[in-house]
Amino acid sequence: MYRALLHSIREILTDSYRVILTLFKVMVPAILIVKLLTELGAAELLGHLFAPLMGWMGLPPEAGLIWASAMLTNIYTGIIIFFSTTGTEHWSIAQATILGTLLLSAHNLPVEIRVAQKAGCRVIPQLLLRIGGGIVLSVLLHQFYQHSETLQAVNRVPWVPQPEDPSLLGWTLGQLKTLAWTAGVIVLLLTALRLLRLLGIERLLEWLLRPLLKLIGIAPGALSITLIGMTLGLAYGGGLLIREAERGDIAPADIFAAISLLGLCHSLIEDTLLVMLIGADLSGIFWARLGFALLVIALLSRTLKHPYWQKLLVRSVVPTAER
């Protein structure tokens, strides 16, 4: 019993080390590149590029800068810029909800797209899915809210964030804290996955959700990892999917479907609560986002049955044993 426990702990720590190392190899260069691009004004440039599209969603042009900043960095940065942008205090609840949907659909792209690429997905399709999906869903929400005359009242934000430390030291400490938190969560997740398997809960979940999985085209073997990503975040779920891809345990098409679902709908708890701070309504940032993601992945998974589309959307990952 004692030896079996030690063996399990050793396996968990070994797996954790490999996943953390893989993730950090992706995250650290991406974080440094994003910092450089941000200092060079890339967010402002992207903001000007997206400004003309904002009218399609019933948003003013300055929303383009808010979304572009979140794309390069994270949702929290987008929220801070939202509060520092003149005129947002007069937005309607519908506008705040639509902006929140955009922030949730595409944020922290340099890191999250690199994670998707490492798992075996091609970059351009993932970018189009995240950015294009956000635009399509936001346009649909705008039309719905406008014609149904819902959420048209002036938005009242429940909270105003404290400004971040703009110094290089403050930024460095913030990134180190993020990396340390990520490492700790990975260890806990792998421990939880091992317990779920031992207790038979993973198989029970697979059985209960099998009809939904069959509908959207995700393999039962990817269920628990996909659920982790949907509840906690793409970096965590994606990091574990990278491990499965390298082992060859999950087919590339199933990896693509799982990663794409996580791209459109991840961190349903934390990120959703975060975006509610700008006054966004759950009808858009949770229910519409979840339904839209499931519908899109159900359609994409059927496309992946054709070898031609598999080549365009998925790249092969070399198993660890062959390296």
C-alpha atoms as a PDB file:
ATOM      1  CA  MET A   1       0.000   0.000   0.000  1.00  0.00           C
ATOM      2  CA  TYR A   2       2.748   2.424   1.049  1.00  0.00           C
ATOM      3  CA  ARG A   3       4.866   1.544  -1.997  1.00  0.00           C
ATOM      4  CA  ALA A   4       1.864   1.920  -4.315  1.00  0.00           C
ATOM      5  CA  LEU A   5       1.171   5.362  -2.841  1.00  0.00           C
ATOM      6  CA  LEU A   6       4.788   6.433  -3.308  1.00  0.00           C
ATOM      7  CA  HIS A   7       4.717   5.132  -6.872  1.00  0.00           C
ATOM      8  CA  SER A   8       1.551   7.115  -7.629  1.00  0.00           C
ATOM      9  CA  ILE A   9       3.024  10.287  -6.115  1.00  0.00           C
ATOM     10  CA  ARG A  10       6.208   9.830  -8.143  1.00  0.00           C
ATOM     11  CA  GLU A  11       4.178   9.369 -11.342  1.00  0.00           C
ATOM     12  CA  ILE A  12       2.049  12.456 -10.624  1.00  0.00           C
ATOM     13  CA  LEU A  13       5.114  14.608  -9.934  1.00  0.00           C
ATOM     14  CA  THR A  14       6.878  13.307 -13.050  1.00  0.00           C
ATOM     15  CA  ASP A  15       3.834  13.980 -15.224  1.00  0.00           C
ATOM     16  CA  SER A  16       3.400  17.395 -13.592  1.00  0.00           C
ATOM     17  CA  TYR A  17       7.012  18.307 -14.305  1.00  0.00           C
ATOM     18  CA  ARG A  18       6.635  17.372 -17.980  1.00  0.00           C
ATOM     19  CA  VAL A  19       3.364  19.291 -18.415  1.00  0.00           C
ATOM     20  CA  ILE A  20       4.686  22.355 -16.547  1.00  0.00           C
ATOM     21  CA  LEU A  21       7.918  22.340 -18.550  1.00  0.00           C
ATOM     22  CA  THR A  22       5.986  22.078 -21.827  1.00  0.00           C
ATOM     23  CA  LEU A  23       3.630  24.895 -20.820  1.00  0.00           C
ATOM     24  CA  PHE A  24       6.428  27.173 -19.621  1.00  0.00           C
ATOM     25  CA  LYS A  25       8.314  26.653 -22.886  1.00  0.00           C
ATOM     26  CA  VAL A  26       5.197  28.020 -24.581  1.00  0.00           C
ATOM     27  CA  MET A  27       4.204  30.695 -22.079  1.00  0.00           C
ATOM     28  CA  VAL A  28       7.501  32.402 -21.198  1.00  0.00           C
ATOM     29  CA  PRO A  29       8.566  33.338 -24.769  1.00  0.00           C
ATOM     30  CA  ALA A  30       4.986  34.398 -25.573  1.00  0.00           C
ATOM     31  CA  ILE A  31       4.812  36.600 -22.452  1.00  0.00           C
ATOM     32  CA  LEU A  32       8.099  38.319 -23.349  1.00  0.00           C
ATOM     33  CA  ILE A  33       7.046  38.877 -26.975  1.00  0.00           C
ATOM     34  CA  VAL A  34       3.694  40.304 -25.873  1.00  0.00           C
ATOM     35  CA  LYS A  35       5.428  42.697 -23.480  1.00  0.00           C
ATOM     36  CA  LEU A  36       7.659  43.921 -26.306  1.00  0.00           C
ATOM     37  CA  LEU A  37       4.726  44.293 -28.720  1.00  0.00           C
ATOM     38  CA  THR A  38       2.689  46.148 -26.102  1.00  0.00           C
ATOM     39  CA  GLU A  39       5.525  48.599 -25.460  1.00  0.00           C
ATOM     40  CA  LEU A  40       5.789  49.175 -29.236  1.00  0.00           C
ATOM     41  CA  GLY A  41       2.095  50.106 -29.448  1.00  0.00           C
ATOM     42  CA  ALA A  42       0.740  46.931 -31.060  1.00  0.00           C
ATOM     43  CA  ALA A  43      -2.503  47.159 -29.047  1.00  0.00           C
ATOM     44  CA  GLU A  44      -3.248  50.643 -30.397  1.00  0.00           C
ATOM     45  CA  LEU A  45      -2.559  49.453 -33.939  1.00  0.00           C
ATOM     46  CA  LEU A  46      -4.905  46.484 -33.539  1.00  0.00           C
ATOM     47  CA  GLY A  47      -7.473  48.772 -31.948  1.00  0.00           C
ATOM     48  CA  HIS A  48      -7.530  50.993 -35.054  1.00  0.00           C
ATOM     49  CA  LEU A  49      -7.856  47.861 -37.202  1.00  0.00           C
ATOM     50  CA  PHE A  50     -10.895  46.557 -35.299  1.00  0.00           C
ATOM     51  CA  ALA A  51     -12.559  49.943 -34.676  1.00  0.00           C
ATOM     52  CA  PRO A  52     -14.621  49.890 -37.933  1.00  0.00           C
ATOM     53  CA  LEU A  53     -16.020  46.452 -37.025  1.00  0.00           C
ATOM     54  CA  MET A  54     -17.358  47.618 -33.672  1.00  0.00           C
ATOM     55  CA  GLY A  55     -20.384  49.286 -35.290  1.00  0.00           C
ATOM     56  CA  TRP A  56     -21.595  45.870 -36.490  1.00  0.00           C
ATOM     57  CA  MET A  57     -21.961  44.932 -32.825  1.00  0.00           C
ATOM     58  CA  GLY A  58     -23.507  48.183 -31.659  1.00  0.00           C
ATOM     59  CA  LEU A  59     -20.295  49.302 -29.956  1.00  0.00           C
ATOM     60  CA  PRO A  60     -18.398  52.597 -30.311  1.00  0.00           C
ATOM     61  CA  PRO A  61     -14.990  52.565 -32.122  1.00  0.00           C
ATOM     62  CA  GLU A  62     -13.009  52.797 -28.853  1.00  0.00           C
ATOM     63  CA  ALA A  63     -14.188  49.264 -28.020  1.00  0.00           C
ATOM     64  CA  GLY A  64     -11.676  48.092 -30.635  1.00  0.00           C
ATOM     65  CA  LEU A  65      -8.756  49.185 -28.422  1.00  0.00           C
ATOM     66  CA  ILE A  66     -10.281  47.476 -25.376  1.00  0.00           C
ATOM     67  CA  TRP A  67     -10.629  44.185 -27.257  1.00  0.00           C
ATOM     68  CA  ALA A  68      -7.215  44.448 -28.931  1.00  0.00           C
ATOM     69  CA  SER A  69      -5.526  44.998 -25.552  1.00  0.00           C
ATOM     70  CA  ALA A  70      -7.203  41.888 -24.143  1.00  0.00           C
ATOM     71  CA  MET A  71      -6.231  39.882 -27.239  1.00  0.00           C
ATOM     72  CA  LEU A  72      -2.560  40.630 -26.663  1.00  0.00           C
ATOM     73  CA  THR A  73      -2.588  40.380 -22.871  1.00  0.00           C
ATOM     74  CA  ASN A  74      -5.571  39.248 -20.796  1.00  0.00           C
ATOM     75  CA  ILE A  75      -9.153  40.027 -19.818  1.00  0.00           C
ATOM     76  CA  TYR A  76      -8.106  42.012 -16.748  1.00  0.00           C
ATOM     77  CA  THR A  77      -6.145  44.461 -18.915  1.00  0.00           C
ATOM     78  CA  GLY A  78      -9.173  44.874 -21.167  1.00  0.00           C
ATOM     79  CA  ILE A  79     -11.350  45.597 -18.127  1.00  0.00           C
ATOM     80  CA  ILE A  80      -8.921  48.231 -16.831  1.00  0.00           C
ATOM     81  CA  ILE A  81      -8.891  49.958 -20.231  1.00  0.00           C
ATOM     82  CA  PHE A  82     -12.706  49.779 -20.292  1.00  0.00           C
ATOM     83  CA  PHE A  83     -12.888  51.734 -17.028  1.00  0.00           C
ATOM     84  CA  SER A  84     -10.270  54.248 -18.184  1.00  0.00           C
ATOM     85  CA  THR A  85     -12.052  54.898 -21.518  1.00  0.00           C
ATOM     86  CA  THR A  86     -14.202  58.032 -21.605  1.00  0.00           C
ATOM     87  CA  GLY A  87     -17.888  57.424 -22.286  1.00  0.00           C
ATOM     88  CA  THR A  88     -18.194  53.807 -21.128  1.00  0.00           C
ATOM     89  CA  GLU A  89     -20.226  54.983 -18.128  1.00  0.00           C
ATOM     90  CA  HIS A  90     -23.064  55.711 -20.582  1.00  0.00           C
ATOM     91  CA  TRP A  91     -23.034  52.268 -22.219  1.00  0.00           C
ATOM     92  CA  SER A  92     -26.106  50.060 -22.037  1.00  0.00           C
ATOM     93  CA  ILE A  93     -26.091  46.658 -20.346  1.00  0.00           C
ATOM     94  CA  ALA A  94     -26.364  45.101 -23.822  1.00  0.00           C
ATOM     95  CA  GLN A  95     -23.193  46.898 -24.966  1.00  0.00           C
ATOM     96  CA  ALA A  96     -21.302  45.789 -21.846  1.00  0.00           C
ATOM     97  CA  THR A  97     -22.505  42.219 -22.447  1.00  0.00           C
ATOM     98  CA  ILE A  98     -21.393  42.270 -26.090  1.00  0.00           C
ATOM     99  CA  LEU A  99     -17.964  43.650 -25.151  1.00  0.00           C
ATOM    100  CA  GLY A 100     -17.699  40.990 -22.443  1.00  0.00           C
ATOM    101  CA  THR A 101     -18.468  38.320 -25.042  1.00  0.00           C
ATOM    102  CA  LEU A 102     -15.673  39.659 -27.262  1.00  0.00           C
ATOM    103  CA  LEU A 103     -13.221  39.663 -24.345  1.00  0.00           C
ATOM    104  CA  LEU A 104     -14.115  36.070 -23.474  1.00  0.00           C
ATOM    105  CA  SER A 105     -13.939  34.849 -27.077  1.00  0.00           C
ATOM    106  CA  ALA A 106     -10.455  36.160 -27.851  1.00  0.00           C
ATOM    107  CA  HIS A 107      -7.936  37.112 -25.164  1.00  0.00           C
ATOM    108  CA  ASN A 108      -4.327  36.239 -24.337  1.00  0.00           C
ATOM    109  CA  LEU A 109      -4.021  34.907 -27.885  1.00  0.00           C
ATOM    110  CA  PRO A 110      -0.200  34.718 -28.139  1.00  0.00           C
ATOM    111  CA  VAL A 111      -0.117  32.239 -25.241  1.00  0.00           C
ATOM    112  CA  GLU A 112      -3.364  30.357 -25.867  1.00  0.00           C
ATOM    113  CA  ILE A 113      -2.871  29.945 -29.628  1.00  0.00           C
ATOM    114  CA  ARG A 114       0.674  28.688 -29.010  1.00  0.00           C
ATOM    115  CA  VAL A 115      -0.735  26.119 -26.568  1.00  0.00           C
ATOM    116  CA  ALA A 116      -3.252  25.034 -29.225  1.00  0.00           C
ATOM    117  CA  GLN A 117      -0.459  24.773 -31.803  1.00  0.00           C
ATOM    118  CA  LYS A 118       1.656  22.676 -29.450  1.00  0.00           C
ATOM    119  CA  ALA A 119      -1.293  20.298 -29.011  1.00  0.00           C
ATOM    120  CA  GLY A 120      -1.508  19.789 -32.779  1.00  0.00           C
ATOM    121  CA  CYS A 121      -3.810  22.526 -34.111  1.00  0.00           C
ATOM    122  CA  ARG A 122      -2.865  24.892 -36.910  1.00  0.00           C
ATOM    123  CA  VAL A 123      -2.513  28.562 -35.971  1.00  0.00           C
ATOM    124  CA  ILE A 124      -4.587  30.320 -38.664  1.00  0.00           C
ATOM    125  CA  PRO A 125      -7.769  28.216 -38.199  1.00  0.00           C
ATOM    126  CA  GLN A 126      -7.572  28.732 -34.429  1.00  0.00           C
ATOM    127  CA  LEU A 127      -7.144  32.501 -34.824  1.00  0.00           C
ATOM    128  CA  LEU A 128     -10.067  32.654 -37.242  1.00  0.00           C
ATOM    129  CA  LEU A 129     -12.172  30.554 -34.880  1.00  0.00           C
ATOM    130  CA  ARG A 130     -11.441  32.722 -31.835  1.00  0.00           C
ATOM    131  CA  ILE A 131     -11.641  36.169 -33.470  1.00  0.00           C
ATOM    132  CA  GLY A 132     -14.252  35.295 -36.101  1.00  0.00           C
ATOM    133  CA  GLY A 133     -16.348  33.376 -33.589  1.00  0.00           C
ATOM    134  CA  GLY A 134     -16.297  36.336 -31.215  1.00  0.00           C
ATOM    135  CA  ILE A 135     -17.405  38.723 -33.958  1.00  0.00           C
ATOM    136  CA  VAL A 136     -20.202  36.446 -35.234  1.00  0.00           C
ATOM    137  CA  LEU A 137     -21.589  35.778 -31.748  1.00  0.00           C
ATOM    138  CA  SER A 138     -21.405  39.476 -30.827  1.00  0.00           C
ATOM    139  CA  VAL A 139     -23.227  40.527 -34.013  1.00  0.00           C
ATOM    140  CA  LEU A 140     -25.966  37.967 -33.279  1.00  0.00           C
ATOM    141  CA  LEU A 141     -26.270  39.188 -29.689  1.00  0.00           C
ATOM    142  CA  HIS A 142     -26.490  42.808 -30.855  1.00  0.00           C
ATOM    143  CA  GLN A 143     -29.316  41.957 -33.258  1.00  0.00           C
ATOM    144  CA  PHE A 144     -31.154  39.978 -30.585  1.00  0.00           C
ATOM    145  CA  TYR A 145     -30.848  42.628 -27.874  1.00  0.00           C
ATOM    146  CA  GLN A 146     -31.756  45.422 -30.292  1.00  0.00           C
ATOM    147  CA  HIS A 147     -34.848  43.802 -31.789  1.00  0.00           C
ATOM    148  CA  SER A 148     -36.090  42.355 -28.497  1.00  0.00           C
ATOM    149  CA  GLU A 149     -35.338  45.658 -26.724  1.00  0.00           C
ATOM    150  CA  THR A 150     -33.705  43.817 -23.831  1.00  0.00           C
ATOM    151  CA  LEU A 151     -30.787  45.040 -21.669  1.00  0.00           C
ATOM    152  CA  GLN A 152     -31.142  48.566 -23.058  1.00  0.00           C
ATOM    153  CA  ALA A 153     -30.928  50.274 -19.642  1.00  0.00           C
ATOM    154  CA  VAL A 154     -27.798  52.252 -18.774  1.00  0.00           C
ATOM    155  CA  ASN A 155     -25.119  49.963 -17.375  1.00  0.00           C
ATOM    156  CA  ARG A 156     -24.220  50.275 -13.693  1.00  0.00           C
ATOM    157  CA  VAL A 157     -20.849  48.700 -12.967  1.00  0.00           C
ATOM    158  CA  PRO A 158     -20.573  46.924  -9.590  1.00  0.00           C
ATOM    159  CA  TRP A 159     -16.817  47.466  -9.127  1.00  0.00           C
ATOM    160  CA  VAL A 160     -13.869  49.526 -10.339  1.00  0.00           C
ATOM    161  CA  PRO A 161     -10.461  47.757 -10.486  1.00  0.00           C
ATOM    162  CA  GLN A 162      -7.306  49.039  -8.855  1.00  0.00           C
ATOM    163  CA  PRO A 163      -4.663  50.169 -11.377  1.00  0.00           C
ATOM    164  CA  GLU A 164      -1.828  47.710 -11.988  1.00  0.00           C
ATOM    165  CA  ASP A 165       1.783  48.548 -11.115  1.00  0.00           C
ATOM    166  CA  PRO A 166       3.147  49.872 -14.450  1.00  0.00           C
ATOM    167  CA  SER A 167       6.825  49.404 -13.508  1.00  0.00           C
ATOM    168  CA  LEU A 168       8.979  46.646 -14.990  1.00  0.00           C
ATOM    169  CA  LEU A 169       9.460  45.160 -11.509  1.00  0.00           C
ATOM    170  CA  GLY A 170       5.702  45.098 -10.897  1.00  0.00           C
ATOM    171  CA  TRP A 171       5.116  43.431 -14.269  1.00  0.00           C
ATOM    172  CA  THR A 172       7.863  40.840 -13.617  1.00  0.00           C
ATOM    173  CA  LEU A 173       6.499  39.948 -10.178  1.00  0.00           C
ATOM    174  CA  GLY A 174       3.012  39.625 -11.645  1.00  0.00           C
ATOM    175  CA  GLN A 175       4.201  37.211 -14.348  1.00  0.00           C
ATOM    176  CA  LEU A 176       6.206  35.122 -11.858  1.00  0.00           C
ATOM    177  CA  LYS A 177       3.125  34.872  -9.655  1.00  0.00           C
ATOM    178  CA  THR A 178       1.084  33.691 -12.659  1.00  0.00           C
ATOM    179  CA  LEU A 179       3.671  31.033 -13.554  1.00  0.00           C
ATOM    180  CA  ALA A 180       3.895  29.792  -9.952  1.00  0.00           C
ATOM    181  CA  TRP A 181       0.090  29.598  -9.727  1.00  0.00           C
ATOM    182  CA  THR A 182      -0.039  27.686 -13.022  1.00  0.00           C
ATOM    183  CA  ALA A 183       2.523  25.139 -11.795  1.00  0.00           C
ATOM    184  CA  GLY A 184       0.623  24.564  -8.551  1.00  0.00           C
ATOM    185  CA  VAL A 185      -2.710  24.129 -10.326  1.00  0.00           C
ATOM    186  CA  ILE A 186      -1.209  21.598 -12.783  1.00  0.00           C
ATOM    187  CA  VAL A 187      -0.021  19.398  -9.887  1.00  0.00           C
ATOM    188  CA  LEU A 188      -3.464  19.579  -8.258  1.00  0.00           C
ATOM    189  CA  LEU A 189      -5.233  18.819 -11.550  1.00  0.00           C
ATOM    190  CA  LEU A 190      -3.141  15.740 -12.298  1.00  0.00           C
ATOM    191  CA  THR A 191      -3.706  14.511  -8.736  1.00  0.00           C
ATOM    192  CA  ALA A 192      -7.458  15.059  -9.135  1.00  0.00           C
ATOM    193  CA  LEU A 193      -7.480  13.229 -12.481  1.00  0.00           C
ATOM    194  CA  ARG A 194      -5.713  10.250 -10.903  1.00  0.00           C
ATOM    195  CA  LEU A 195      -8.299  10.147  -8.101  1.00  0.00           C
ATOM    196  CA  LEU A 196     -11.198  10.418 -10.569  1.00  0.00           C
ATOM    197  CA  ARG A 197      -9.844   7.417 -12.468  1.00  0.00           C
ATOM    198  CA  LEU A 198      -9.259   5.362  -9.307  1.00  0.00           C
ATOM    199  CA  LEU A 199     -12.760   6.086  -7.991  1.00  0.00           C
ATOM    200  CA  GLY A 200     -14.397   5.371 -11.345  1.00  0.00           C
ATOM    201  CA  ILE A 201     -15.891   8.867 -11.534  1.00  0.00           C
ATOM    202  CA  GLU A 202     -14.241   9.575 -14.886  1.00  0.00           C
ATOM    203  CA  ARG A 203     -15.982   6.569 -16.472  1.00  0.00           C
ATOM    204  CA  LEU A 204     -19.283   7.620 -14.908  1.00  0.00           C
ATOM    205  CA  LEU A 205     -18.932  11.116 -16.391  1.00  0.00           C
ATOM    206  CA  GLU A 206     -18.079   9.634 -19.782  1.00  0.00           C
ATOM    207  CA  TRP A 207     -21.209   7.470 -19.644  1.00  0.00           C
ATOM    208  CA  LEU A 208     -23.478  10.329 -18.545  1.00  0.00           C
ATOM    209  CA  LEU A 209     -22.150  12.774 -21.140  1.00  0.00           C
ATOM    210  CA  ARG A 210     -21.688  10.296 -23.976  1.00  0.00           C
ATOM    211  CA  PRO A 211     -24.753  11.556 -25.971  1.00  0.00           C
ATOM    212  CA  LEU A 212     -23.482  15.153 -25.820  1.00  0.00           C
ATOM    213  CA  LEU A 213     -19.922  14.083 -26.663  1.00  0.00           C
ATOM    214  CA  LYS A 214     -21.191  12.114 -29.644  1.00  0.00           C
ATOM    215  CA  LEU A 215     -23.183  15.137 -30.814  1.00  0.00           C
ATOM    216  CA  ILE A 216     -20.244  17.564 -30.688  1.00  0.00           C
ATOM    217  CA  GLY A 217     -17.635  15.025 -31.791  1.00  0.00           C
ATOM    218  CA  ILE A 218     -15.284  14.866 -28.785  1.00  0.00           C
ATOM    219  CA  ALA A 219     -13.809  11.493 -27.827  1.00  0.00           C
ATOM    220  CA  PRO A 220     -14.761  10.151 -24.364  1.00  0.00           C
ATOM    221  CA  GLY A 221     -11.042   9.928 -23.521  1.00  0.00           C
ATOM    222  CA  ALA A 222     -10.744  13.708 -23.759  1.00  0.00           C
ATOM    223  CA  LEU A 223     -13.802  14.380 -21.585  1.00  0.00           C
ATOM    224  CA  SER A 224     -12.206  15.022 -18.187  1.00  0.00           C
ATOM    225  CA  ILE A 225      -9.457  17.221 -19.642  1.00  0.00           C
ATOM    226  CA  THR A 226     -11.985  19.188 -21.689  1.00  0.00           C
ATOM    227  CA  LEU A 227     -14.132  19.741 -18.595  1.00  0.00           C
ATOM    228  CA  ILE A 228     -11.051  21.005 -16.737  1.00  0.00           C
ATOM    229  CA  GLY A 229     -10.346  23.487 -19.521  1.00  0.00           C
ATOM    230  CA  MET A 230     -13.965  24.633 -19.697  1.00  0.00           C
ATOM    231  CA  THR A 231     -14.115  25.298 -15.966  1.00  0.00           C
ATOM    232  CA  LEU A 232     -10.567  26.485 -15.201  1.00  0.00           C
ATOM    233  CA  GLY A 233      -8.941  27.687 -18.422  1.00  0.00           C
ATOM    234  CA  LEU A 234      -7.382  26.785 -21.761  1.00  0.00           C
ATOM    235  CA  ALA A 235      -3.810  26.796 -20.460  1.00  0.00           C
ATOM    236  CA  TYR A 236      -4.622  24.035 -17.956  1.00  0.00           C
ATOM    237  CA  GLY A 237      -6.816  21.910 -20.215  1.00  0.00           C
ATOM    238  CA  GLY A 238      -4.575  22.606 -23.208  1.00  0.00           C
ATOM    239  CA  GLY A 239      -1.454  21.669 -21.271  1.00  0.00           C
ATOM    240  CA  LEU A 240      -2.950  18.296 -20.401  1.00  0.00           C
ATOM    241  CA  LEU A 241      -4.110  17.790 -23.999  1.00  0.00           C
ATOM    242  CA  ILE A 242      -0.531  18.430 -25.161  1.00  0.00           C
ATOM    243  CA  ARG A 243       0.547  15.541 -22.938  1.00  0.00           C
ATOM    244  CA  GLU A 244      -2.134  13.262 -24.410  1.00  0.00           C
ATOM    245  CA  ALA A 245      -1.203  14.291 -27.963  1.00  0.00           C
ATOM    246  CA  GLU A 246       2.467  13.512 -27.345  1.00  0.00           C
ATOM    247  CA  ARG A 247       1.527  10.120 -25.938  1.00  0.00           C
ATOM    248  CA  GLY A 248      -0.727   9.439 -28.921  1.00  0.00           C
ATOM    249  CA  ASP A 249      -3.631   8.553 -26.596  1.00  0.00           C
ATOM    250  CA  ILE A 250      -6.130  10.865 -28.347  1.00  0.00           C
ATOM    251  CA  ALA A 251      -6.589  11.189 -32.118  1.00  0.00           C
ATOM    252  CA  PRO A 252      -5.533  14.533 -33.692  1.00  0.00           C
ATOM    253  CA  ALA A 253      -9.100  15.252 -34.872  1.00  0.00           C
ATOM    254  CA  ASP A 254     -10.390  14.794 -31.311  1.00  0.00           C
ATOM    255  CA  ILE A 255      -7.611  17.043 -29.990  1.00  0.00           C
ATOM    256  CA  PHE A 256      -8.680  19.714 -32.495  1.00  0.00           C
ATOM    257  CA  ALA A 257     -12.341  19.463 -31.462  1.00  0.00           C
ATOM    258  CA  ALA A 258     -11.442  19.664 -27.761  1.00  0.00           C
ATOM    259  CA  ILE A 259      -9.002  22.573 -28.188  1.00  0.00           C
ATOM    260  CA  SER A 260     -11.468  24.447 -30.403  1.00  0.00           C
ATOM    261  CA  LEU A 261     -14.228  24.004 -27.819  1.00  0.00           C
ATOM    262  CA  LEU A 262     -11.878  25.310 -25.131  1.00  0.00           C
ATOM    263  CA  GLY A 263     -10.918  28.233 -27.364  1.00  0.00           C
ATOM    264  CA  LEU A 264     -14.527  29.359 -27.668  1.00  0.00           C
ATOM    265  CA  CYS A 265     -15.660  28.418 -24.187  1.00  0.00           C
ATOM    266  CA  HIS A 266     -13.098  28.056 -21.398  1.00  0.00           C
ATOM    267  CA  SER A 267     -12.763  29.212 -17.793  1.00  0.00           C
ATOM    268  CA  LEU A 268     -16.543  29.351 -17.447  1.00  0.00           C
ATOM    269  CA  ILE A 269     -16.266  30.203 -13.756  1.00  0.00           C
ATOM    270  CA  GLU A 270     -13.394  32.655 -13.254  1.00  0.00           C
ATOM    271  CA  ASP A 271     -13.495  34.546 -16.554  1.00  0.00           C
ATOM    272  CA  THR A 272     -17.289  34.816 -16.508  1.00  0.00           C
ATOM    273  CA  LEU A 273     -17.235  36.313 -13.004  1.00  0.00           C
ATOM    274  CA  LEU A 274     -14.435  38.661 -14.065  1.00  0.00           C
ATOM    275  CA  VAL A 275     -16.373  40.001 -17.053  1.00  0.00           C
ATOM    276  CA  MET A 276     -19.480  40.487 -14.902  1.00  0.00           C
ATOM    277  CA  LEU A 277     -17.504  43.271 -13.197  1.00  0.00           C
ATOM    278  CA  ILE A 278     -18.094  45.519 -16.227  1.00  0.00           C
ATOM    279  CA  GLY A 279     -21.836  44.880 -15.926  1.00  0.00           C
ATOM    280  CA  ALA A 280     -22.128  42.117 -18.540  1.00  0.00           C
ATOM    281  CA  ASP A 281     -25.231  39.915 -18.393  1.00  0.00           C
ATOM    282  CA  LEU A 282     -25.084  36.113 -18.101  1.00  0.00           C
ATOM    283  CA  SER A 283     -27.440  35.695 -21.061  1.00  0.00           C
ATOM    284  CA  GLY A 284     -24.570  36.600 -23.385  1.00  0.00           C
ATOM    285  CA  ILE A 285     -21.317  35.855 -21.578  1.00  0.00           C
ATOM    286  CA  PHE A 286     -22.384  32.416 -20.303  1.00  0.00           C
ATOM    287  CA  TRP A 287     -25.476  30.899 -21.943  1.00  0.00           C
ATOM    288  CA  ALA A 288     -25.068  32.281 -25.464  1.00  0.00           C
ATOM    289  CA  ARG A 289     -21.315  31.612 -25.413  1.00  0.00           C
ATOM    290  CA  LEU A 290     -21.789  28.013 -24.248  1.00  0.00           C
ATOM    291  CA  GLY A 291     -24.542  27.280 -26.781  1.00  0.00           C
ATOM    292  CA  PHE A 292     -22.630  28.929 -29.624  1.00  0.00           C
ATOM    293  CA  ALA A 293     -19.453  26.972 -28.803  1.00  0.00           C
ATOM    294  CA  LEU A 294     -21.257  23.614 -28.725  1.00  0.00           C
ATOM    295  CA  LEU A 295     -23.007  24.354 -32.033  1.00  0.00           C
ATOM    296  CA  VAL A 296     -19.793  25.430 -33.790  1.00  0.00           C
ATOM    297  CA  ILE A 297     -17.824  22.410 -32.554  1.00  0.00           C
ATOM    298  CA  ALA A 298     -20.647  20.043 -33.564  1.00  0.00           C
ATOM    299  CA  LEU A 299     -20.399  21.427 -37.120  1.00  0.00           C
ATOM    300  CA  LEU A 300     -16.581  21.421 -37.147  1.00  0.00           C
ATOM    301  CA  SER A 301     -16.342  17.835 -35.910  1.00  0.00           C
ATOM    302  CA  ARG A 302     -18.358  16.683 -38.915  1.00  0.00           C
ATOM    303  CA  THR A 303     -16.043  18.612 -41.221  1.00  0.00           C
ATOM    304  CA  LEU A 304     -13.060  16.820 -39.671  1.00  0.00           C
ATOM    305  CA  LYS A 305     -14.326  13.473 -40.982  1.00  0.00           C
ATOM    306  CA  HIS A 306     -12.908  14.427 -44.381  1.00  0.00           C
ATOM    307  CA  PRO A 307      -9.110  13.918 -44.735  1.00  0.00           C
ATOM    308  CA  TYR A 308      -8.755  17.131 -46.779  1.00  0.00           C
ATOM    309  CA  TRP A 309     -10.047  19.298 -43.935  1.00  0.00           C
ATOM    310  CA  GLN A 310      -8.034  17.360 -41.364  1.00  0.00           C
ATOM    311  CA  LYS A 311      -4.843  18.341 -43.184  1.00  0.00           C
ATOM    312  CA  LEU A 312      -5.885  22.003 -43.215  1.00  0.00           C
ATOM    313  CA  LEU A 313      -6.941  22.168 -39.569  1.00  0.00           C
ATOM    314  CA  VAL A 314      -4.735  19.657 -37.753  1.00  0.00           C
ATOM    315  CA  ARG A 315      -1.014  19.004 -37.788  1.00  0.00           C
ATOM    316  CA  SER A 316       0.635  15.852 -36.468  1.00  0.00           C
ATOM    317  CA  VAL A 317       2.334  15.801 -33.066  1.00  0.00           C
ATOM    318  CA  VAL A 318       5.413  13.625 -32.706  1.00  0.00           C
ATOM    319  CA  PRO A 319       4.859  11.164 -29.839  1.00  0.00           C
ATOM    320  CA  THR A 320       7.295  11.561 -26.934  1.00  0.00           C
ATOM    321  CA  ALA A 321       8.680   8.043 -27.433  1.00  0.00           C
ATOM    322  CA  GLU A 322       9.776   8.893 -30.991  1.00  0.00           C
ATOM    323  CA  ARG A 323      11.786  11.972 -30.028  1.00  0.00           C
END
